[in-house]
Amino acid sequence: MIIDRTKNGSRCRVPLLAVAKNILKRYKNYPINDSKGLLLPVNSNQKMNAYLKEIADICGIKKNLSMHVARHTFATTITLTNGVPIETVSKILGHSSLKTTQIYARILDCKISEDMQKVKIG
């Protein structure tokens, strides 16, 4: 999938996980939005946050969900905790500096414990 970054306008190729590909396959027979050439609508950040709030309410989630929280969750739970190198996460998030990613994607305690288990002494 190719996306245009909102902040800096650069174009980025993003590989999709199998689950995302399967979701997109469901829409293969849907008409493409002629004005933009897109299969799915692109909502504003404000609209996405409203949808996330609605989903949280329906699911009984007390946390205030937002796209910002989603980026943090992606960076920590989905990528770093599953062993994706921080350099890769930085590139995916569109950060120009690894320092930004280090601040943005906090390392979870469970990941620290898991990594320490890999250390072999003697």
PDB file of N, CA and C in Angstrom:
ATOM      1  N   MET A   1       0.856  -1.161   0.000  1.00  0.00           N
ATOM      2  CA  MET A   1       0.000   0.000   0.000  1.00  0.00           C
ATOM      3  C   MET A   1       0.906   1.228   0.000  1.00  0.00           C
ATOM      4  N   ILE A   2       0.524   2.225  -0.738  1.00  0.00           N
ATOM      5  CA  ILE A   2       1.296   3.465  -0.781  1.00  0.00           C
ATOM      6  C   ILE A   2       0.452   4.570  -0.160  1.00  0.00           C
ATOM      7  N   ILE A   3       1.072   5.305   0.764  1.00  0.00           N
ATOM      8  CA  ILE A   3       0.364   6.398   1.438  1.00  0.00           C
ATOM      9  C   ILE A   3       1.163   7.688   1.306  1.00  0.00           C
ATOM     10  N   ASP A   4       0.463   8.790   1.409  1.00  0.00           N
ATOM     11  CA  ASP A   4       1.105  10.101   1.465  1.00  0.00           C
ATOM     12  C   ASP A   4       1.100  10.543   2.916  1.00  0.00           C
ATOM     13  N   ARG A   5       2.266  10.844   3.451  1.00  0.00           N
ATOM     14  CA  ARG A   5       2.369  11.279   4.843  1.00  0.00           C
ATOM     15  C   ARG A   5       1.723  12.648   5.003  1.00  0.00           C
ATOM     16  N   THR A   6       0.974  12.800   6.075  1.00  0.00           N
ATOM     17  CA  THR A   6       0.256  14.046   6.325  1.00  0.00           C
ATOM     18  C   THR A   6       1.197  15.176   6.701  1.00  0.00           C
ATOM     19  N   LYS A   7       2.149  14.907   7.595  1.00  0.00           N
ATOM     20  CA  LYS A   7       3.008  15.982   8.107  1.00  0.00           C
ATOM     21  C   LYS A   7       3.996  16.511   7.081  1.00  0.00           C
ATOM     22  N   ASN A   8       4.678  15.595   6.372  1.00  0.00           N
ATOM     23  CA  ASN A   8       5.719  16.081   5.463  1.00  0.00           C
ATOM     24  C   ASN A   8       5.397  15.862   3.985  1.00  0.00           C
ATOM     25  N   GLY A   9       4.265  15.247   3.691  1.00  0.00           N
ATOM     26  CA  GLY A   9       3.833  15.072   2.311  1.00  0.00           C
ATOM     27  C   GLY A   9       4.600  14.034   1.517  1.00  0.00           C
ATOM     28  N   SER A  10       5.535  13.334   2.152  1.00  0.00           N
ATOM     29  CA  SER A  10       6.310  12.325   1.430  1.00  0.00           C
ATOM     30  C   SER A  10       5.454  11.081   1.188  1.00  0.00           C
ATOM     31  N   ARG A  11       5.807  10.350   0.154  1.00  0.00           N
ATOM     32  CA  ARG A  11       5.096   9.129  -0.194  1.00  0.00           C
ATOM     33  C   ARG A  11       5.823   7.950   0.449  1.00  0.00           C
ATOM     34  N   CYS A  12       5.059   6.991   0.954  1.00  0.00           N
ATOM     35  CA  CYS A  12       5.649   5.873   1.685  1.00  0.00           C
ATOM     36  C   CYS A  12       4.960   4.573   1.298  1.00  0.00           C
ATOM     37  N   ARG A  13       5.751   3.541   1.085  1.00  0.00           N
ATOM     38  CA  ARG A  13       5.209   2.204   0.808  1.00  0.00           C
ATOM     39  C   ARG A  13       5.102   1.459   2.138  1.00  0.00           C
ATOM     40  N   VAL A  14       3.902   0.962   2.434  1.00  0.00           N
ATOM     41  CA  VAL A  14       3.656   0.258   3.691  1.00  0.00           C
ATOM     42  C   VAL A  14       3.227  -1.170   3.378  1.00  0.00           C
ATOM     43  N   PRO A  15       4.020  -2.166   3.804  1.00  0.00           N
ATOM     44  CA  PRO A  15       3.604  -3.552   3.585  1.00  0.00           C
ATOM     45  C   PRO A  15       2.409  -3.877   4.486  1.00  0.00           C
ATOM     46  N   LEU A  16       1.472  -4.652   3.975  1.00  0.00           N
ATOM     47  CA  LEU A  16       0.282  -5.004   4.742  1.00  0.00           C
ATOM     48  C   LEU A  16       0.399  -6.404   5.321  1.00  0.00           C
ATOM     49  N   LEU A  17      -0.121  -6.568   6.536  1.00  0.00           N
ATOM     50  CA  LEU A  17      -0.216  -7.890   7.141  1.00  0.00           C
ATOM     51  C   LEU A  17      -1.322  -8.667   6.434  1.00  0.00           C
ATOM     52  N   ALA A  18      -1.279  -9.986   6.544  1.00  0.00           N
ATOM     53  CA  ALA A  18      -2.261 -10.846   5.875  1.00  0.00           C
ATOM     54  C   ALA A  18      -3.691 -10.494   6.281  1.00  0.00           C
ATOM     55  N   VAL A  19      -3.914 -10.184   7.550  1.00  0.00           N
ATOM     56  CA  VAL A  19      -5.271  -9.865   8.016  1.00  0.00           C
ATOM     57  C   VAL A  19      -5.805  -8.615   7.311  1.00  0.00           C
ATOM     58  N   ALA A  20      -4.959  -7.617   7.091  1.00  0.00           N
ATOM     59  CA  ALA A  20      -5.379  -6.403   6.381  1.00  0.00           C
ATOM     60  C   ALA A  20      -5.659  -6.712   4.911  1.00  0.00           C
ATOM     61  N   LYS A  21      -4.824  -7.549   4.315  1.00  0.00           N
ATOM     62  CA  LYS A  21      -5.046  -7.939   2.917  1.00  0.00           C
ATOM     63  C   LYS A  21      -6.386  -8.648   2.761  1.00  0.00           C
ATOM     64  N   ASN A  22      -6.718  -9.512   3.724  1.00  0.00           N
ATOM     65  CA  ASN A  22      -7.992 -10.233   3.670  1.00  0.00           C
ATOM     66  C   ASN A  22      -9.179  -9.283   3.770  1.00  0.00           C
ATOM     67  N   ILE A  23      -9.060  -8.258   4.590  1.00  0.00           N
ATOM     68  CA  ILE A  23     -10.130  -7.258   4.707  1.00  0.00           C
ATOM     69  C   ILE A  23     -10.300  -6.527   3.381  1.00  0.00           C
ATOM     70  N   LEU A  24      -9.190  -6.127   2.772  1.00  0.00           N
ATOM     71  CA  LEU A  24      -9.258  -5.407   1.497  1.00  0.00           C
ATOM     72  C   LEU A  24      -9.845  -6.273   0.380  1.00  0.00           C
ATOM     73  N   LYS A  25      -9.579  -7.580   0.427  1.00  0.00           N
ATOM     74  CA  LYS A  25     -10.116  -8.489  -0.597  1.00  0.00           C
ATOM     75  C   LYS A  25     -11.644  -8.486  -0.589  1.00  0.00           C
ATOM     76  N   ARG A  26     -12.230  -8.233   0.581  1.00  0.00           N
ATOM     77  CA  ARG A  26     -13.698  -8.188   0.676  1.00  0.00           C
ATOM     78  C   ARG A  26     -14.278  -7.050  -0.160  1.00  0.00           C
ATOM     79  N   TYR A  27     -13.465  -6.041  -0.431  1.00  0.00           N
ATOM     80  CA  TYR A  27     -13.927  -4.865  -1.161  1.00  0.00           C
ATOM     81  C   TYR A  27     -13.521  -4.874  -2.634  1.00  0.00           C
ATOM     82  N   LYS A  28     -12.967  -5.985  -3.115  1.00  0.00           N
ATOM     83  CA  LYS A  28     -12.424  -6.000  -4.475  1.00  0.00           C
ATOM     84  C   LYS A  28     -13.474  -5.730  -5.555  1.00  0.00           C
ATOM     85  N   ASN A  29     -14.732  -6.012  -5.292  1.00  0.00           N
ATOM     86  CA  ASN A  29     -15.776  -5.779  -6.289  1.00  0.00           C
ATOM     87  C   ASN A  29     -16.524  -4.462  -6.076  1.00  0.00           C
ATOM     88  N   TYR A  30     -16.076  -3.678  -5.101  1.00  0.00           N
ATOM     89  CA  TYR A  30     -16.695  -2.376  -4.843  1.00  0.00           C
ATOM     90  C   TYR A  30     -16.136  -1.351  -5.828  1.00  0.00           C
ATOM     91  N   PRO A  31     -16.952  -0.365  -6.194  1.00  0.00           N
ATOM     92  CA  PRO A  31     -16.433   0.663  -7.115  1.00  0.00           C
ATOM     93  C   PRO A  31     -15.398   1.548  -6.430  1.00  0.00           C
ATOM     94  N   ILE A  32     -14.412   1.971  -7.203  1.00  0.00           N
ATOM     95  CA  ILE A  32     -13.379   2.868  -6.683  1.00  0.00           C
ATOM     96  C   ILE A  32     -13.929   4.284  -6.710  1.00  0.00           C
ATOM     97  N   ASN A  33     -13.591   5.065  -5.682  1.00  0.00           N
ATOM     98  CA  ASN A  33     -14.002   6.465  -5.600  1.00  0.00           C
ATOM     99  C   ASN A  33     -13.360   7.209  -6.771  1.00  0.00           C
ATOM    100  N   ASP A  34     -14.171   7.580  -7.746  1.00  0.00           N
ATOM    101  CA  ASP A  34     -13.657   8.181  -8.984  1.00  0.00           C
ATOM    102  C   ASP A  34     -12.887   9.479  -8.776  1.00  0.00           C
ATOM    103  N   SER A  35     -13.305  10.285  -7.815  1.00  0.00           N
ATOM    104  CA  SER A  35     -12.657  11.588  -7.655  1.00  0.00           C
ATOM    105  C   SER A  35     -11.229  11.476  -7.132  1.00  0.00           C
ATOM    106  N   LYS A  36     -10.952  10.456  -6.317  1.00  0.00           N
ATOM    107  CA  LYS A  36      -9.615  10.327  -5.732  1.00  0.00           C
ATOM    108  C   LYS A  36      -8.912   9.034  -6.125  1.00  0.00           C
ATOM    109  N   GLY A  37      -9.613   8.122  -6.776  1.00  0.00           N
ATOM    110  CA  GLY A  37      -9.011   6.853  -7.161  1.00  0.00           C
ATOM    111  C   GLY A  37      -8.725   5.942  -5.983  1.00  0.00           C
ATOM    112  N   LEU A  38      -9.530   6.065  -4.929  1.00  0.00           N
ATOM    113  CA  LEU A  38      -9.316   5.281  -3.716  1.00  0.00           C
ATOM    114  C   LEU A  38     -10.427   4.256  -3.531  1.00  0.00           C
ATOM    115  N   LEU A  39     -10.085   3.118  -2.962  1.00  0.00           N
ATOM    116  CA  LEU A  39     -11.074   2.083  -2.683  1.00  0.00           C
ATOM    117  C   LEU A  39     -11.866   2.415  -1.423  1.00  0.00           C
ATOM    118  N   LEU A  40     -11.164   2.837  -0.385  1.00  0.00           N
ATOM    119  CA  LEU A  40     -11.801   3.136   0.900  1.00  0.00           C
ATOM    120  C   LEU A  40     -11.781   4.635   1.160  1.00  0.00           C
ATOM    121  N   PRO A  41     -12.766   5.128   1.906  1.00  0.00           N
ATOM    122  CA  PRO A  41     -12.767   6.560   2.217  1.00  0.00           C
ATOM    123  C   PRO A  41     -11.625   6.927   3.163  1.00  0.00           C
ATOM    124  N   VAL A  42     -11.142   8.146   3.049  1.00  0.00           N
ATOM    125  CA  VAL A  42     -10.113   8.651   3.952  1.00  0.00           C
ATOM    126  C   VAL A  42     -10.789   9.681   4.847  1.00  0.00           C
ATOM    127  N   ASN A  43     -10.889   9.354   6.125  1.00  0.00           N
ATOM    128  CA  ASN A  43     -11.557  10.233   7.075  1.00  0.00           C
ATOM    129  C   ASN A  43     -10.558  11.169   7.745  1.00  0.00           C
ATOM    130  N   SER A  44     -11.060  12.280   8.227  1.00  0.00           N
ATOM    131  CA  SER A  44     -10.216  13.215   8.971  1.00  0.00           C
ATOM    132  C   SER A  44      -9.833  12.588  10.307  1.00  0.00           C
ATOM    133  N   ASN A  45      -8.773  13.103  10.902  1.00  0.00           N
ATOM    134  CA  ASN A  45      -8.337  12.637  12.213  1.00  0.00           C
ATOM    135  C   ASN A  45      -9.467  12.809  13.232  1.00  0.00           C
ATOM    136  N   GLN A  46     -10.177  13.921  13.147  1.00  0.00           N
ATOM    137  CA  GLN A  46     -11.281  14.206  14.066  1.00  0.00           C
ATOM    138  C   GLN A  46     -12.388  13.155  13.924  1.00  0.00           C
ATOM    139  N   LYS A  47     -12.723  12.785  12.694  1.00  0.00           N
ATOM    140  CA  LYS A  47     -13.769  11.786  12.457  1.00  0.00           C
ATOM    141  C   LYS A  47     -13.312  10.415  12.942  1.00  0.00           C
ATOM    142  N   MET A  48     -12.045  10.070  12.689  1.00  0.00           N
ATOM    143  CA  MET A  48     -11.518   8.784  13.162  1.00  0.00           C
ATOM    144  C   MET A  48     -11.556   8.710  14.682  1.00  0.00           C
ATOM    145  N   ASN A  49     -11.207   9.809  15.349  1.00  0.00           N
ATOM    146  CA  ASN A  49     -11.263   9.844  16.813  1.00  0.00           C
ATOM    147  C   ASN A  49     -12.690   9.650  17.308  1.00  0.00           C
ATOM    148  N   ALA A  50     -13.663  10.234  16.612  1.00  0.00           N
ATOM    149  CA  ALA A  50     -15.073  10.059  16.986  1.00  0.00           C
ATOM    150  C   ALA A  50     -15.486   8.596  16.831  1.00  0.00           C
ATOM    151  N   TYR A  51     -15.049   7.952  15.745  1.00  0.00           N
ATOM    152  CA  TYR A  51     -15.341   6.526  15.549  1.00  0.00           C
ATOM    153  C   TYR A  51     -14.706   5.684  16.657  1.00  0.00           C
ATOM    154  N   LEU A  52     -13.458   5.984  17.003  1.00  0.00           N
ATOM    155  CA  LEU A  52     -12.775   5.236  18.060  1.00  0.00           C
ATOM    156  C   LEU A  52     -13.483   5.404  19.396  1.00  0.00           C
ATOM    157  N   LYS A  53     -13.976   6.604  19.685  1.00  0.00           N
ATOM    158  CA  LYS A  53     -14.720   6.848  20.920  1.00  0.00           C
ATOM    159  C   LYS A  53     -16.000   6.016  20.933  1.00  0.00           C
ATOM    160  N   GLU A  54     -16.684   5.972  19.804  1.00  0.00           N
ATOM    161  CA  GLU A  54     -17.917   5.186  19.691  1.00  0.00           C
ATOM    162  C   GLU A  54     -17.632   3.696  19.892  1.00  0.00           C
ATOM    163  N   ILE A  55     -16.565   3.205  19.283  1.00  0.00           N
ATOM    164  CA  ILE A  55     -16.179   1.799  19.441  1.00  0.00           C
ATOM    165  C   ILE A  55     -15.844   1.509  20.897  1.00  0.00           C
ATOM    166  N   ALA A  56     -15.097   2.405  21.534  1.00  0.00           N
ATOM    167  CA  ALA A  56     -14.738   2.229  22.945  1.00  0.00           C
ATOM    168  C   ALA A  56     -15.992   2.166  23.811  1.00  0.00           C
ATOM    169  N   ASP A  57     -16.950   3.044  23.554  1.00  0.00           N
ATOM    170  CA  ASP A  57     -18.202   3.045  24.319  1.00  0.00           C
ATOM    171  C   ASP A  57     -18.949   1.726  24.148  1.00  0.00           C
ATOM    172  N   ILE A  58     -19.064   1.253  22.918  1.00  0.00           N
ATOM    173  CA  ILE A  58     -19.765  -0.001  22.630  1.00  0.00           C
ATOM    174  C   ILE A  58     -19.086  -1.175  23.324  1.00  0.00           C
ATOM    175  N   CYS A  59     -17.748  -1.166  23.336  1.00  0.00           N
ATOM    176  CA  CYS A  59     -16.975  -2.279  23.914  1.00  0.00           C
ATOM    177  C   CYS A  59     -16.747  -2.128  25.415  1.00  0.00           C
ATOM    178  N   GLY A  60     -17.180  -1.020  25.985  1.00  0.00           N
ATOM    179  CA  GLY A  60     -16.982  -0.805  27.418  1.00  0.00           C
ATOM    180  C   GLY A  60     -15.545  -0.483  27.784  1.00  0.00           C
ATOM    181  N   ILE A  61     -14.800   0.069  26.847  1.00  0.00           N
ATOM    182  CA  ILE A  61     -13.408   0.448  27.098  1.00  0.00           C
ATOM    183  C   ILE A  61     -13.401   1.834  27.723  1.00  0.00           C
ATOM    184  N   LYS A  62     -12.770   1.954  28.876  1.00  0.00           N
ATOM    185  CA  LYS A  62     -12.766   3.222  29.607  1.00  0.00           C
ATOM    186  C   LYS A  62     -11.693   4.190  29.108  1.00  0.00           C
ATOM    187  N   LYS A  63     -10.661   3.683  28.452  1.00  0.00           N
ATOM    188  CA  LYS A  63      -9.565   4.529  27.968  1.00  0.00           C
ATOM    189  C   LYS A  63     -10.060   5.432  26.844  1.00  0.00           C
ATOM    190  N   ASN A  64      -9.564   6.654  26.822  1.00  0.00           N
ATOM    191  CA  ASN A  64      -9.924   7.600  25.769  1.00  0.00           C
ATOM    192  C   ASN A  64      -9.120   7.261  24.513  1.00  0.00           C
ATOM    193  N   LEU A  65      -9.732   6.523  23.588  1.00  0.00           N
ATOM    194  CA  LEU A  65      -9.040   6.103  22.378  1.00  0.00           C
ATOM    195  C   LEU A  65      -8.953   7.249  21.382  1.00  0.00           C
ATOM    196  N   SER A  66      -7.831   7.301  20.672  1.00  0.00           N
ATOM    197  CA  SER A  66      -7.614   8.307  19.632  1.00  0.00           C
ATOM    198  C   SER A  66      -6.605   7.744  18.638  1.00  0.00           C
ATOM    199  N   MET A  67      -6.431   8.422  17.526  1.00  0.00           N
ATOM    200  CA  MET A  67      -5.432   7.993  16.553  1.00  0.00           C
ATOM    201  C   MET A  67      -4.030   8.089  17.154  1.00  0.00           C
ATOM    202  N   HIS A  68      -3.821   9.050  18.040  1.00  0.00           N
ATOM    203  CA  HIS A  68      -2.536   9.180  18.724  1.00  0.00           C
ATOM    204  C   HIS A  68      -2.270   7.935  19.579  1.00  0.00           C
ATOM    205  N   VAL A  69      -3.272   7.503  20.330  1.00  0.00           N
ATOM    206  CA  VAL A  69      -3.154   6.282  21.141  1.00  0.00           C
ATOM    207  C   VAL A  69      -2.933   5.081  20.224  1.00  0.00           C
ATOM    208  N   ALA A  70      -3.612   5.066  19.081  1.00  0.00           N
ATOM    209  CA  ALA A  70      -3.454   3.961  18.134  1.00  0.00           C
ATOM    210  C   ALA A  70      -2.016   3.869  17.625  1.00  0.00           C
ATOM    211  N   ARG A  71      -1.383   5.013  17.337  1.00  0.00           N
ATOM    212  CA  ARG A  71       0.019   5.012  16.889  1.00  0.00           C
ATOM    213  C   ARG A  71       0.934   4.465  17.976  1.00  0.00           C
ATOM    214  N   HIS A  72       0.701   4.885  19.222  1.00  0.00           N
ATOM    215  CA  HIS A  72       1.515   4.380  20.330  1.00  0.00           C
ATOM    216  C   HIS A  72       1.327   2.873  20.489  1.00  0.00           C
ATOM    217  N   THR A  73       0.086   2.424  20.408  1.00  0.00           N
ATOM    218  CA  THR A  73      -0.205   0.994  20.535  1.00  0.00           C
ATOM    219  C   THR A  73       0.473   0.220  19.419  1.00  0.00           C
ATOM    220  N   PHE A  74       0.387   0.732  18.210  1.00  0.00           N
ATOM    221  CA  PHE A  74       1.046   0.083  17.084  1.00  0.00           C
ATOM    222  C   PHE A  74       2.546  -0.005  17.325  1.00  0.00           C
ATOM    223  N   ALA A  75       3.138   1.107  17.748  1.00  0.00           N
ATOM    224  CA  ALA A  75       4.588   1.161  17.941  1.00  0.00           C
ATOM    225  C   ALA A  75       5.053   0.221  19.043  1.00  0.00           C
ATOM    226  N   THR A  76       4.285   0.098  20.102  1.00  0.00           N
ATOM    227  CA  THR A  76       4.719  -0.721  21.238  1.00  0.00           C
ATOM    228  C   THR A  76       4.201  -2.144  21.135  1.00  0.00           C
ATOM    229  N   THR A  77       2.908  -2.317  21.250  1.00  0.00           N
ATOM    230  CA  THR A  77       2.303  -3.645  21.342  1.00  0.00           C
ATOM    231  C   THR A  77       2.455  -4.456  20.069  1.00  0.00           C
ATOM    232  N   ILE A  78       2.247  -3.835  18.938  1.00  0.00           N
ATOM    233  CA  ILE A  78       2.232  -4.595  17.690  1.00  0.00           C
ATOM    234  C   ILE A  78       3.630  -4.795  17.122  1.00  0.00           C
ATOM    235  N   THR A  79       4.479  -3.795  17.198  1.00  0.00           N
ATOM    236  CA  THR A  79       5.789  -3.930  16.556  1.00  0.00           C
ATOM    237  C   THR A  79       6.907  -4.266  17.533  1.00  0.00           C
ATOM    238  N   LEU A  80       7.221  -3.356  18.432  1.00  0.00           N
ATOM    239  CA  LEU A  80       8.379  -3.561  19.310  1.00  0.00           C
ATOM    240  C   LEU A  80       8.250  -4.814  20.163  1.00  0.00           C
ATOM    241  N   THR A  81       7.076  -5.066  20.717  1.00  0.00           N
ATOM    242  CA  THR A  81       6.882  -6.244  21.560  1.00  0.00           C
ATOM    243  C   THR A  81       7.020  -7.527  20.756  1.00  0.00           C
ATOM    244  N   ASN A  82       6.799  -7.448  19.458  1.00  0.00           N
ATOM    245  CA  ASN A  82       6.933  -8.622  18.601  1.00  0.00           C
ATOM    246  C   ASN A  82       8.288  -8.692  17.911  1.00  0.00           C
ATOM    247  N   GLY A  83       9.248  -7.918  18.414  1.00  0.00           N
ATOM    248  CA  GLY A  83      10.619  -8.044  17.940  1.00  0.00           C
ATOM    249  C   GLY A  83      10.983  -7.236  16.709  1.00  0.00           C
ATOM    250  N   VAL A  84      10.119  -6.334  16.276  1.00  0.00           N
ATOM    251  CA  VAL A  84      10.464  -5.485  15.129  1.00  0.00           C
ATOM    252  C   VAL A  84      11.500  -4.464  15.602  1.00  0.00           C
ATOM    253  N   PRO A  85      12.635  -4.337  14.922  1.00  0.00           N
ATOM    254  CA  PRO A  85      13.672  -3.389  15.344  1.00  0.00           C
ATOM    255  C   PRO A  85      13.147  -1.951  15.382  1.00  0.00           C
ATOM    256  N   ILE A  86      13.633  -1.186  16.343  1.00  0.00           N
ATOM    257  CA  ILE A  86      13.173   0.193  16.515  1.00  0.00           C
ATOM    258  C   ILE A  86      13.452   1.036  15.272  1.00  0.00           C
ATOM    259  N   GLU A  87      14.513   0.708  14.525  1.00  0.00           N
ATOM    260  CA  GLU A  87      14.811   1.439  13.292  1.00  0.00           C
ATOM    261  C   GLU A  87      13.689   1.245  12.268  1.00  0.00           C
ATOM    262  N   THR A  88      13.161   0.029  12.197  1.00  0.00           N
ATOM    263  CA  THR A  88      12.053  -0.260  11.284  1.00  0.00           C
ATOM    264  C   THR A  88      10.795   0.471  11.722  1.00  0.00           C
ATOM    265  N   VAL A  89      10.522   0.446  13.028  1.00  0.00           N
ATOM    266  CA  VAL A  89       9.349   1.145  13.573  1.00  0.00           C
ATOM    267  C   VAL A  89       9.454   2.636  13.266  1.00  0.00           C
ATOM    268  N   SER A  90      10.646   3.190  13.430  1.00  0.00           N
ATOM    269  CA  SER A  90      10.877   4.605  13.153  1.00  0.00           C
ATOM    270  C   SER A  90      10.531   4.940  11.706  1.00  0.00           C
ATOM    271  N   LYS A  91      10.969   4.093  10.792  1.00  0.00           N
ATOM    272  CA  LYS A  91      10.694   4.299   9.361  1.00  0.00           C
ATOM    273  C   LYS A  91       9.197   4.187   9.079  1.00  0.00           C
ATOM    274  N   ILE A  92       8.545   3.176   9.667  1.00  0.00           N
ATOM    275  CA  ILE A  92       7.106   2.987   9.466  1.00  0.00           C
ATOM    276  C   ILE A  92       6.326   4.203   9.955  1.00  0.00           C
ATOM    277  N   LEU A  93       6.730   4.748  11.105  1.00  0.00           N
ATOM    278  CA  LEU A  93       6.027   5.892  11.681  1.00  0.00           C
ATOM    279  C   LEU A  93       6.364   7.204  10.972  1.00  0.00           C
ATOM    280  N   GLY A  94       7.372   7.169  10.094  1.00  0.00           N
ATOM    281  CA  GLY A  94       7.736   8.366   9.338  1.00  0.00           C
ATOM    282  C   GLY A  94       8.592   9.341  10.115  1.00  0.00           C
ATOM    283  N   HIS A  95       9.279   8.848  11.143  1.00  0.00           N
ATOM    284  CA  HIS A  95      10.141   9.727  11.933  1.00  0.00           C
ATOM    285  C   HIS A  95      11.469   9.937  11.214  1.00  0.00           C
ATOM    286  N   SER A  96      11.955  11.169  11.221  1.00  0.00           N
ATOM    287  CA  SER A  96      13.247  11.449  10.596  1.00  0.00           C
ATOM    288  C   SER A  96      14.389  11.178  11.566  1.00  0.00           C
ATOM    289  N   SER A  97      14.073  11.060  12.849  1.00  0.00           N
ATOM    290  CA  SER A  97      15.092  10.811  13.869  1.00  0.00           C
ATOM    291  C   SER A  97      14.685   9.628  14.742  1.00  0.00           C
ATOM    292  N   LEU A  98      15.649   8.754  15.000  1.00  0.00           N
ATOM    293  CA  LEU A  98      15.401   7.616  15.881  1.00  0.00           C
ATOM    294  C   LEU A  98      15.067   8.088  17.295  1.00  0.00           C
ATOM    295  N   LYS A  99      15.593   9.255  17.681  1.00  0.00           N
ATOM    296  CA  LYS A  99      15.298   9.819  19.005  1.00  0.00           C
ATOM    297  C   LYS A  99      13.796  10.031  19.188  1.00  0.00           C
ATOM    298  N   THR A 100      13.135  10.470  18.144  1.00  0.00           N
ATOM    299  CA  THR A 100      11.687  10.678  18.210  1.00  0.00           C
ATOM    300  C   THR A 100      10.982   9.367  18.507  1.00  0.00           C
ATOM    301  N   THR A 101      11.394   8.308  17.846  1.00  0.00           N
ATOM    302  CA  THR A 101      10.770   7.003  18.045  1.00  0.00           C
ATOM    303  C   THR A 101      11.041   6.485  19.447  1.00  0.00           C
ATOM    304  N   GLN A 102      12.243   6.718  19.960  1.00  0.00           N
ATOM    305  CA  GLN A 102      12.581   6.253  21.304  1.00  0.00           C
ATOM    306  C   GLN A 102      11.694   6.912  22.349  1.00  0.00           C
ATOM    307  N   ILE A 103      11.346   8.163  22.137  1.00  0.00           N
ATOM    308  CA  ILE A 103      10.438   8.857  23.057  1.00  0.00           C
ATOM    309  C   ILE A 103       9.013   8.367  22.829  1.00  0.00           C
ATOM    310  N   TYR A 104       8.633   8.285  21.571  1.00  0.00           N
ATOM    311  CA  TYR A 104       7.271   7.967  21.159  1.00  0.00           C
ATOM    312  C   TYR A 104       6.871   6.541  21.517  1.00  0.00           C
ATOM    313  N   ALA A 105       7.760   5.597  21.256  1.00  0.00           N
ATOM    314  CA  ALA A 105       7.454   4.181  21.451  1.00  0.00           C
ATOM    315  C   ALA A 105       8.138   3.675  22.708  1.00  0.00           C
ATOM    316  N   ARG A 106       7.486   3.886  23.827  1.00  0.00           N
ATOM    317  CA  ARG A 106       8.063   3.440  25.093  1.00  0.00           C
ATOM    318  C   ARG A 106       8.182   1.915  25.091  1.00  0.00           C
ATOM    319  N   ILE A 107       9.239   1.441  25.711  1.00  0.00           N
ATOM    320  CA  ILE A 107       9.460   0.003  25.793  1.00  0.00           C
ATOM    321  C   ILE A 107       8.637  -0.549  26.955  1.00  0.00           C
ATOM    322  N   LEU A 108       7.894  -1.587  26.689  1.00  0.00           N
ATOM    323  CA  LEU A 108       7.049  -2.189  27.711  1.00  0.00           C
ATOM    324  C   LEU A 108       7.873  -3.054  28.654  1.00  0.00           C
ATOM    325  N   ASP A 109       7.472  -3.098  29.927  1.00  0.00           N
ATOM    326  CA  ASP A 109       8.171  -3.907  30.925  1.00  0.00           C
ATOM    327  C   ASP A 109       8.245  -5.374  30.510  1.00  0.00           C
ATOM    328  N   CYS A 110       7.181  -5.895  29.910  1.00  0.00           N
ATOM    329  CA  CYS A 110       7.194  -7.303  29.509  1.00  0.00           C
ATOM    330  C   CYS A 110       8.255  -7.558  28.443  1.00  0.00           C
ATOM    331  N   LYS A 111       8.506  -6.590  27.571  1.00  0.00           N
ATOM    332  CA  LYS A 111       9.528  -6.736  26.535  1.00  0.00           C
ATOM    333  C   LYS A 111      10.915  -6.726  27.160  1.00  0.00           C
ATOM    334  N   ILE A 112      11.120  -5.881  28.149  1.00  0.00           N
ATOM    335  CA  ILE A 112      12.406  -5.832  28.849  1.00  0.00           C
ATOM    336  C   ILE A 112      12.682  -7.180  29.504  1.00  0.00           C
ATOM    337  N   SER A 113      11.688  -7.724  30.203  1.00  0.00           N
ATOM    338  CA  SER A 113      11.850  -9.030  30.858  1.00  0.00           C
ATOM    339  C   SER A 113      12.138 -10.119  29.834  1.00  0.00           C
ATOM    340  N   GLU A 114      11.405 -10.090  28.733  1.00  0.00           N
ATOM    341  CA  GLU A 114      11.595 -11.087  27.679  1.00  0.00           C
ATOM    342  C   GLU A 114      13.003 -11.007  27.097  1.00  0.00           C
ATOM    343  N   ASP A 115      13.473  -9.794  26.836  1.00  0.00           N
ATOM    344  CA  ASP A 115      14.815  -9.614  26.290  1.00  0.00           C
ATOM    345  C   ASP A 115      15.886 -10.064  27.275  1.00  0.00           C
ATOM    346  N   MET A 116      15.678  -9.805  28.552  1.00  0.00           N
ATOM    347  CA  MET A 116      16.660 -10.212  29.564  1.00  0.00           C
ATOM    348  C   MET A 116      16.735 -11.732  29.680  1.00  0.00           C
ATOM    349  N   GLN A 117      15.641 -12.427  29.403  1.00  0.00           N
ATOM    350  CA  GLN A 117      15.648 -13.887  29.435  1.00  0.00           C
ATOM    351  C   GLN A 117      16.551 -14.461  28.341  1.00  0.00           C
ATOM    352  N   LYS A 118      16.786 -13.689  27.298  1.00  0.00           N
ATOM    353  CA  LYS A 118      17.631 -14.130  26.190  1.00  0.00           C
ATOM    354  C   LYS A 118      19.116 -14.049  26.529  1.00  0.00           C
ATOM    355  N   VAL A 119      19.446 -13.271  27.569  1.00  0.00           N
ATOM    356  CA  VAL A 119      20.840 -13.103  27.960  1.00  0.00           C
ATOM    357  C   VAL A 119      21.322 -14.384  28.633  1.00  0.00           C
ATOM    358  N   LYS A 120      22.417 -14.896  28.145  1.00  0.00           N
ATOM    359  CA  LYS A 120      22.993 -16.116  28.717  1.00  0.00           C
ATOM    360  C   LYS A 120      24.366 -15.776  29.271  1.00  0.00           C
ATOM    361  N   ILE A 121      24.537 -16.038  30.534  1.00  0.00           N
ATOM    362  CA  ILE A 121      25.825 -15.777  31.179  1.00  0.00           C
ATOM    363  C   ILE A 121      26.488 -17.124  31.459  1.00  0.00           C
ATOM    364  N   GLY A 122      27.754 -17.218  31.063  1.00  0.00           N
ATOM    365  CA  GLY A 122      28.542 -18.420  31.333  1.00  0.00           C
ATOM    366  C   GLY A 122      28.316 -19.476  30.401  1.00  0.00           C
TER     367      GLY A 122
END
